[in-house]
Amino acid sequence: MTQLPETGFLRLRQILGNPAVRPPIPPIIPIGKSAWWQGIKDGRFPKPVKLGPRTVAWRVQDIRALCASMPSSNP
């Protein structure tokens, strides 16, 4: 898993990854944007924090908690 900072905020591309940039950003949670936003709507994923008129981000501690609650894919 990607090393997360202790505190702060993460943007969507940091959570879902972005293979188009150099160097590529690996996903923390490997799902698509539509599935992510649907999960927020359904209450499965944390809600974003509005940082500006066109900027949203997620608290690192919320993403850590989400990762801890997800079943591991490793046997």
PDB file of N, CA and C in Angstrom:
ATOM      1  N   MET A   1       0.842  -1.186   0.000  1.00  0.00           N
ATOM      2  CA  MET A   1       0.000   0.000   0.000  1.00  0.00           C
ATOM      3  C   MET A   1       0.884   1.246   0.000  1.00  0.00           C
ATOM      4  N   THR A   2       0.377   2.297  -0.563  1.00  0.00           N
ATOM      5  CA  THR A   2       1.080   3.562  -0.634  1.00  0.00           C
ATOM      6  C   THR A   2       1.249   4.140   0.769  1.00  0.00           C
ATOM      7  N   GLN A   3       2.389   4.764   1.009  1.00  0.00           N
ATOM      8  CA  GLN A   3       2.648   5.406   2.290  1.00  0.00           C
ATOM      9  C   GLN A   3       1.783   6.651   2.405  1.00  0.00           C
ATOM     10  N   LEU A   4       0.950   6.717   3.447  1.00  0.00           N
ATOM     11  CA  LEU A   4       0.081   7.864   3.660  1.00  0.00           C
ATOM     12  C   LEU A   4       0.696   8.795   4.694  1.00  0.00           C
ATOM     13  N   PRO A   5       0.490  10.088   4.544  1.00  0.00           N
ATOM     14  CA  PRO A   5       0.973  11.012   5.573  1.00  0.00           C
ATOM     15  C   PRO A   5       0.194  10.803   6.874  1.00  0.00           C
ATOM     16  N   GLU A   6       0.734  11.286   7.967  1.00  0.00           N
ATOM     17  CA  GLU A   6       0.071  11.137   9.265  1.00  0.00           C
ATOM     18  C   GLU A   6      -1.225  11.944   9.331  1.00  0.00           C
ATOM     19  N   THR A   7      -1.191  13.174   8.841  1.00  0.00           N
ATOM     20  CA  THR A   7      -2.361  14.044   8.857  1.00  0.00           C
ATOM     21  C   THR A   7      -2.458  14.757   7.522  1.00  0.00           C
ATOM     22  N   GLY A   8      -3.551  15.433   7.323  1.00  0.00           N
ATOM     23  CA  GLY A   8      -3.716  16.212   6.101  1.00  0.00           C
ATOM     24  C   GLY A   8      -4.884  15.733   5.274  1.00  0.00           C
ATOM     25  N   PHE A   9      -4.821  16.035   3.994  1.00  0.00           N
ATOM     26  CA  PHE A   9      -5.894  15.728   3.068  1.00  0.00           C
ATOM     27  C   PHE A   9      -5.351  15.019   1.841  1.00  0.00           C
ATOM     28  N   LEU A  10      -6.206  14.231   1.200  1.00  0.00           N
ATOM     29  CA  LEU A  10      -5.875  13.556  -0.052  1.00  0.00           C
ATOM     30  C   LEU A  10      -6.886  13.961  -1.112  1.00  0.00           C
ATOM     31  N   ARG A  11      -6.388  14.212  -2.307  1.00  0.00           N
ATOM     32  CA  ARG A  11      -7.268  14.496  -3.434  1.00  0.00           C
ATOM     33  C   ARG A  11      -7.694  13.179  -4.061  1.00  0.00           C
ATOM     34  N   LEU A  12      -8.708  13.214  -4.901  1.00  0.00           N
ATOM     35  CA  LEU A  12      -9.271  12.010  -5.496  1.00  0.00           C
ATOM     36  C   LEU A  12      -8.234  11.225  -6.294  1.00  0.00           C
ATOM     37  N   ARG A  13      -7.407  11.904  -7.052  1.00  0.00           N
ATOM     38  CA  ARG A  13      -6.393  11.205  -7.858  1.00  0.00           C
ATOM     39  C   ARG A  13      -5.368  10.490  -6.992  1.00  0.00           C
ATOM     40  N   GLN A  14      -5.163  10.951  -5.763  1.00  0.00           N
ATOM     41  CA  GLN A  14      -4.254  10.270  -4.846  1.00  0.00           C
ATOM     42  C   GLN A  14      -4.905   9.008  -4.267  1.00  0.00           C
ATOM     43  N   ILE A  15      -6.210   9.017  -4.122  1.00  0.00           N
ATOM     44  CA  ILE A  15      -6.928   7.867  -3.566  1.00  0.00           C
ATOM     45  C   ILE A  15      -7.139   6.805  -4.639  1.00  0.00           C
ATOM     46  N   LEU A  16      -7.602   7.222  -5.814  1.00  0.00           N
ATOM     47  CA  LEU A  16      -7.936   6.271  -6.882  1.00  0.00           C
ATOM     48  C   LEU A  16      -6.778   6.005  -7.831  1.00  0.00           C
ATOM     49  N   GLY A  17      -5.717   6.796  -7.734  1.00  0.00           N
ATOM     50  CA  GLY A  17      -4.550   6.615  -8.599  1.00  0.00           C
ATOM     51  C   GLY A  17      -4.713   7.336  -9.921  1.00  0.00           C
ATOM     52  N   ASN A  18      -3.575   7.499 -10.595  1.00  0.00           N
ATOM     53  CA  ASN A  18      -3.559   8.142 -11.903  1.00  0.00           C
ATOM     54  C   ASN A  18      -2.382   7.593 -12.694  1.00  0.00           C
ATOM     55  N   PRO A  19      -2.628   6.595 -13.571  1.00  0.00           N
ATOM     56  CA  PRO A  19      -1.528   6.006 -14.332  1.00  0.00           C
ATOM     57  C   PRO A  19      -1.030   6.889 -15.477  1.00  0.00           C
ATOM     58  N   ALA A  20      -1.758   7.956 -15.805  1.00  0.00           N
ATOM     59  CA  ALA A  20      -1.403   8.792 -16.952  1.00  0.00           C
ATOM     60  C   ALA A  20      -0.282   9.783 -16.653  1.00  0.00           C
ATOM     61  N   VAL A  21      -0.016  10.063 -15.387  1.00  0.00           N
ATOM     62  CA  VAL A  21       1.030  11.027 -15.052  1.00  0.00           C
ATOM     63  C   VAL A  21       2.373  10.318 -14.901  1.00  0.00           C
ATOM     64  N   ARG A  22       3.458  11.086 -14.960  1.00  0.00           N
ATOM     65  CA  ARG A  22       4.792  10.525 -14.780  1.00  0.00           C
ATOM     66  C   ARG A  22       5.427  11.156 -13.566  1.00  0.00           C
ATOM     67  N   PRO A  23       5.795  10.437 -12.550  1.00  0.00           N
ATOM     68  CA  PRO A  23       5.584   9.000 -12.382  1.00  0.00           C
ATOM     69  C   PRO A  23       4.120   8.701 -12.054  1.00  0.00           C
ATOM     70  N   PRO A  24       3.653   7.495 -12.417  1.00  0.00           N
ATOM     71  CA  PRO A  24       2.255   7.138 -12.152  1.00  0.00           C
ATOM     72  C   PRO A  24       1.942   7.155 -10.658  1.00  0.00           C
ATOM     73  N   ILE A  25       0.717   7.518 -10.324  1.00  0.00           N
ATOM     74  CA  ILE A  25       0.263   7.509  -8.927  1.00  0.00           C
ATOM     75  C   ILE A  25      -0.491   6.200  -8.705  1.00  0.00           C
ATOM     76  N   PRO A  26       0.013   5.315  -7.840  1.00  0.00           N
ATOM     77  CA  PRO A  26      -0.681   4.051  -7.606  1.00  0.00           C
ATOM     78  C   PRO A  26      -1.942   4.278  -6.778  1.00  0.00           C
ATOM     79  N   PRO A  27      -2.986   3.479  -7.003  1.00  0.00           N
ATOM     80  CA  PRO A  27      -4.232   3.665  -6.243  1.00  0.00           C
ATOM     81  C   PRO A  27      -4.112   3.147  -4.815  1.00  0.00           C
ATOM     82  N   ILE A  28      -4.735   3.845  -3.893  1.00  0.00           N
ATOM     83  CA  ILE A  28      -4.896   3.352  -2.528  1.00  0.00           C
ATOM     84  C   ILE A  28      -6.111   2.440  -2.500  1.00  0.00           C
ATOM     85  N   ILE A  29      -7.162   2.883  -3.183  1.00  0.00           N
ATOM     86  CA  ILE A  29      -8.387   2.099  -3.318  1.00  0.00           C
ATOM     87  C   ILE A  29      -8.637   1.942  -4.819  1.00  0.00           C
ATOM     88  N   PRO A  30      -8.423   0.743  -5.361  1.00  0.00           N
ATOM     89  CA  PRO A  30      -8.486   0.557  -6.822  1.00  0.00           C
ATOM     90  C   PRO A  30      -9.905   0.367  -7.358  1.00  0.00           C
ATOM     91  N   ILE A  31     -10.653   1.462  -7.425  1.00  0.00           N
ATOM     92  CA  ILE A  31     -11.974   1.446  -8.049  1.00  0.00           C
ATOM     93  C   ILE A  31     -12.074   2.651  -8.968  1.00  0.00           C
ATOM     94  N   GLY A  32     -13.120   2.700  -9.761  1.00  0.00           N
ATOM     95  CA  GLY A  32     -13.330   3.817 -10.670  1.00  0.00           C
ATOM     96  C   GLY A  32     -13.984   5.011  -9.993  1.00  0.00           C
ATOM     97  N   LYS A  33     -13.939   6.151 -10.664  1.00  0.00           N
ATOM     98  CA  LYS A  33     -14.521   7.375 -10.115  1.00  0.00           C
ATOM     99  C   LYS A  33     -16.015   7.246  -9.862  1.00  0.00           C
ATOM    100  N   SER A  34     -16.731   6.655 -10.806  1.00  0.00           N
ATOM    101  CA  SER A  34     -18.181   6.528 -10.644  1.00  0.00           C
ATOM    102  C   SER A  34     -18.528   5.659  -9.446  1.00  0.00           C
ATOM    103  N   ALA A  35     -17.787   4.564  -9.271  1.00  0.00           N
ATOM    104  CA  ALA A  35     -18.022   3.678  -8.127  1.00  0.00           C
ATOM    105  C   ALA A  35     -17.687   4.401  -6.817  1.00  0.00           C
ATOM    106  N   TRP A  36     -16.636   5.221  -6.825  1.00  0.00           N
ATOM    107  CA  TRP A  36     -16.261   5.980  -5.628  1.00  0.00           C
ATOM    108  C   TRP A  36     -17.372   6.947  -5.233  1.00  0.00           C
ATOM    109  N   TRP A  37     -17.859   7.737  -6.202  1.00  0.00           N
ATOM    110  CA  TRP A  37     -18.906   8.713  -5.891  1.00  0.00           C
ATOM    111  C   TRP A  37     -20.215   8.025  -5.495  1.00  0.00           C
ATOM    112  N   GLN A  38     -20.514   6.878  -6.093  1.00  0.00           N
ATOM    113  CA  GLN A  38     -21.705   6.127  -5.694  1.00  0.00           C
ATOM    114  C   GLN A  38     -21.548   5.607  -4.267  1.00  0.00           C
ATOM    115  N   GLY A  39     -20.346   5.167  -3.912  1.00  0.00           N
ATOM    116  CA  GLY A  39     -20.080   4.710  -2.551  1.00  0.00           C
ATOM    117  C   GLY A  39     -20.245   5.825  -1.528  1.00  0.00           C
ATOM    118  N   ILE A  40     -19.881   7.037  -1.890  1.00  0.00           N
ATOM    119  CA  ILE A  40     -20.091   8.184  -1.004  1.00  0.00           C
ATOM    120  C   ILE A  40     -21.583   8.426  -0.839  1.00  0.00           C
ATOM    121  N   LYS A  41     -22.297   8.388  -1.946  1.00  0.00           N
ATOM    122  CA  LYS A  41     -23.748   8.593  -1.906  1.00  0.00           C
ATOM    123  C   LYS A  41     -24.430   7.528  -1.057  1.00  0.00           C
ATOM    124  N   ASP A  42     -23.950   6.281  -1.142  1.00  0.00           N
ATOM    125  CA  ASP A  42     -24.534   5.165  -0.388  1.00  0.00           C
ATOM    126  C   ASP A  42     -24.073   5.121   1.060  1.00  0.00           C
ATOM    127  N   GLY A  43     -23.057   5.915   1.418  1.00  0.00           N
ATOM    128  CA  GLY A  43     -22.550   5.936   2.779  1.00  0.00           C
ATOM    129  C   GLY A  43     -21.452   4.913   3.055  1.00  0.00           C
ATOM    130  N   ARG A  44     -20.948   4.242   2.019  1.00  0.00           N
ATOM    131  CA  ARG A  44     -19.868   3.260   2.202  1.00  0.00           C
ATOM    132  C   ARG A  44     -18.502   3.917   2.306  1.00  0.00           C
ATOM    133  N   PHE A  45     -18.334   5.083   1.704  1.00  0.00           N
ATOM    134  CA  PHE A  45     -17.066   5.794   1.693  1.00  0.00           C
ATOM    135  C   PHE A  45     -17.245   7.147   2.378  1.00  0.00           C
ATOM    136  N   PRO A  46     -16.163   7.716   2.917  1.00  0.00           N
ATOM    137  CA  PRO A  46     -16.281   8.998   3.627  1.00  0.00           C
ATOM    138  C   PRO A  46     -16.626  10.151   2.687  1.00  0.00           C
ATOM    139  N   LYS A  47     -17.326  11.116   3.248  1.00  0.00           N
ATOM    140  CA  LYS A  47     -17.675  12.307   2.481  1.00  0.00           C
ATOM    141  C   LYS A  47     -16.460  13.221   2.363  1.00  0.00           C
ATOM    142  N   PRO A  48     -16.377  13.964   1.264  1.00  0.00           N
ATOM    143  CA  PRO A  48     -15.246  14.886   1.096  1.00  0.00           C
ATOM    144  C   PRO A  48     -15.415  16.147   1.935  1.00  0.00           C
ATOM    145  N   VAL A  49     -14.308  16.854   2.091  1.00  0.00           N
ATOM    146  CA  VAL A  49     -14.278  18.152   2.757  1.00  0.00           C
ATOM    147  C   VAL A  49     -14.060  19.189   1.675  1.00  0.00           C
ATOM    148  N   LYS A  50     -14.876  20.211   1.652  1.00  0.00           N
ATOM    149  CA  LYS A  50     -14.748  21.263   0.642  1.00  0.00           C
ATOM    150  C   LYS A  50     -13.659  22.240   1.083  1.00  0.00           C
ATOM    151  N   LEU A  51     -12.602  22.343   0.280  1.00  0.00           N
ATOM    152  CA  LEU A  51     -11.485  23.230   0.592  1.00  0.00           C
ATOM    153  C   LEU A  51     -11.576  24.570  -0.127  1.00  0.00           C
ATOM    154  N   GLY A  52     -12.354  24.624  -1.177  1.00  0.00           N
ATOM    155  CA  GLY A  52     -12.501  25.853  -1.954  1.00  0.00           C
ATOM    156  C   GLY A  52     -13.711  25.714  -2.862  1.00  0.00           C
ATOM    157  N   PRO A  53     -13.964  26.707  -3.698  1.00  0.00           N
ATOM    158  CA  PRO A  53     -15.140  26.665  -4.564  1.00  0.00           C
ATOM    159  C   PRO A  53     -15.171  25.457  -5.503  1.00  0.00           C
ATOM    160  N   ARG A  54     -14.005  25.000  -5.953  1.00  0.00           N
ATOM    161  CA  ARG A  54     -13.949  23.868  -6.881  1.00  0.00           C
ATOM    162  C   ARG A  54     -12.990  22.787  -6.410  1.00  0.00           C
ATOM    163  N   THR A  55     -12.738  22.740  -5.101  1.00  0.00           N
ATOM    164  CA  THR A  55     -11.754  21.801  -4.575  1.00  0.00           C
ATOM    165  C   THR A  55     -12.324  21.016  -3.409  1.00  0.00           C
ATOM    166  N   VAL A  56     -12.287  19.689  -3.534  1.00  0.00           N
ATOM    167  CA  VAL A  56     -12.660  18.816  -2.428  1.00  0.00           C
ATOM    168  C   VAL A  56     -11.510  17.854  -2.157  1.00  0.00           C
ATOM    169  N   ALA A  57     -11.435  17.384  -0.929  1.00  0.00           N
ATOM    170  CA  ALA A  57     -10.407  16.431  -0.531  1.00  0.00           C
ATOM    171  C   ALA A  57     -10.968  15.586   0.606  1.00  0.00           C
ATOM    172  N   TRP A  58     -10.225  14.552   0.967  1.00  0.00           N
ATOM    173  CA  TRP A  58     -10.646  13.654   2.035  1.00  0.00           C
ATOM    174  C   TRP A  58      -9.580  13.658   3.117  1.00  0.00           C
ATOM    175  N   ARG A  59     -10.008  13.609   4.376  1.00  0.00           N
ATOM    176  CA  ARG A  59      -9.075  13.556   5.492  1.00  0.00           C
ATOM    177  C   ARG A  59      -8.309  12.238   5.453  1.00  0.00           C
ATOM    178  N   VAL A  60      -7.008  12.309   5.695  1.00  0.00           N
ATOM    179  CA  VAL A  60      -6.173  11.108   5.694  1.00  0.00           C
ATOM    180  C   VAL A  60      -6.703  10.103   6.712  1.00  0.00           C
ATOM    181  N   GLN A  61      -7.119  10.571   7.893  1.00  0.00           N
ATOM    182  CA  GLN A  61      -7.598   9.640   8.909  1.00  0.00           C
ATOM    183  C   GLN A  61      -8.871   8.918   8.462  1.00  0.00           C
ATOM    184  N   ASP A  62      -9.714   9.558   7.654  1.00  0.00           N
ATOM    185  CA  ASP A  62     -10.909   8.893   7.127  1.00  0.00           C
ATOM    186  C   ASP A  62     -10.535   7.800   6.126  1.00  0.00           C
ATOM    187  N   ILE A  63      -9.531   8.060   5.297  1.00  0.00           N
ATOM    188  CA  ILE A  63      -9.079   7.067   4.315  1.00  0.00           C
ATOM    189  C   ILE A  63      -8.375   5.916   5.026  1.00  0.00           C
ATOM    190  N   ARG A  64      -7.592   6.221   6.061  1.00  0.00           N
ATOM    191  CA  ARG A  64      -6.961   5.160   6.856  1.00  0.00           C
ATOM    192  C   ARG A  64      -8.021   4.254   7.483  1.00  0.00           C
ATOM    193  N   ALA A  65      -9.058   4.850   8.053  1.00  0.00           N
ATOM    194  CA  ALA A  65     -10.129   4.076   8.678  1.00  0.00           C
ATOM    195  C   ALA A  65     -10.854   3.214   7.637  1.00  0.00           C
ATOM    196  N   LEU A  66     -11.078   3.764   6.459  1.00  0.00           N
ATOM    197  CA  LEU A  66     -11.717   3.010   5.383  1.00  0.00           C
ATOM    198  C   LEU A  66     -10.862   1.813   4.983  1.00  0.00           C
ATOM    199  N   CYS A  67      -9.564   2.024   4.815  1.00  0.00           N
ATOM    200  CA  CYS A  67      -8.654   0.933   4.452  1.00  0.00           C
ATOM    201  C   CYS A  67      -8.621  -0.146   5.530  1.00  0.00           C
ATOM    202  N   ALA A  68      -8.649   0.270   6.792  1.00  0.00           N
ATOM    203  CA  ALA A  68      -8.621  -0.691   7.913  1.00  0.00           C
ATOM    204  C   ALA A  68      -9.905  -1.513   7.959  1.00  0.00           C
ATOM    205  N   SER A  69     -11.010  -0.922   7.531  1.00  0.00           N
ATOM    206  CA  SER A  69     -12.294  -1.630   7.591  1.00  0.00           C
ATOM    207  C   SER A  69     -12.537  -2.538   6.380  1.00  0.00           C
ATOM    208  N   MET A  70     -11.748  -2.363   5.327  1.00  0.00           N
ATOM    209  CA  MET A  70     -11.926  -3.162   4.124  1.00  0.00           C
ATOM    210  C   MET A  70     -11.254  -4.525   4.293  1.00  0.00           C
ATOM    211  N   PRO A  71     -11.877  -5.596   3.773  1.00  0.00           N
ATOM    212  CA  PRO A  71     -11.228  -6.899   3.856  1.00  0.00           C
ATOM    213  C   PRO A  71      -9.958  -6.906   3.017  1.00  0.00           C
ATOM    214  N   SER A  72      -8.938  -7.552   3.522  1.00  0.00           N
ATOM    215  CA  SER A  72      -7.661  -7.647   2.823  1.00  0.00           C
ATOM    216  C   SER A  72      -7.760  -8.654   1.687  1.00  0.00           C
ATOM    217  N   SER A  73      -7.117  -8.348   0.572  1.00  0.00           N
ATOM    218  CA  SER A  73      -7.122  -9.280  -0.567  1.00  0.00           C
ATOM    219  C   SER A  73      -6.020 -10.317  -0.425  1.00  0.00           C
ATOM    220  N   ASN A  74      -5.140 -10.145   0.583  1.00  0.00           N
ATOM    221  CA  ASN A  74      -4.082 -11.114   0.822  1.00  0.00           C
ATOM    222  C   ASN A  74      -4.612 -12.271   1.648  1.00  0.00           C
ATOM    223  N   PRO A  75      -4.262 -13.536   1.282  1.00  0.00           N
ATOM    224  CA  PRO A  75      -4.762 -14.673   2.056  1.00  0.00           C
ATOM    225  C   PRO A  75      -4.116 -14.780   3.422  1.00  0.00           C
TER     226      PRO A  75
END
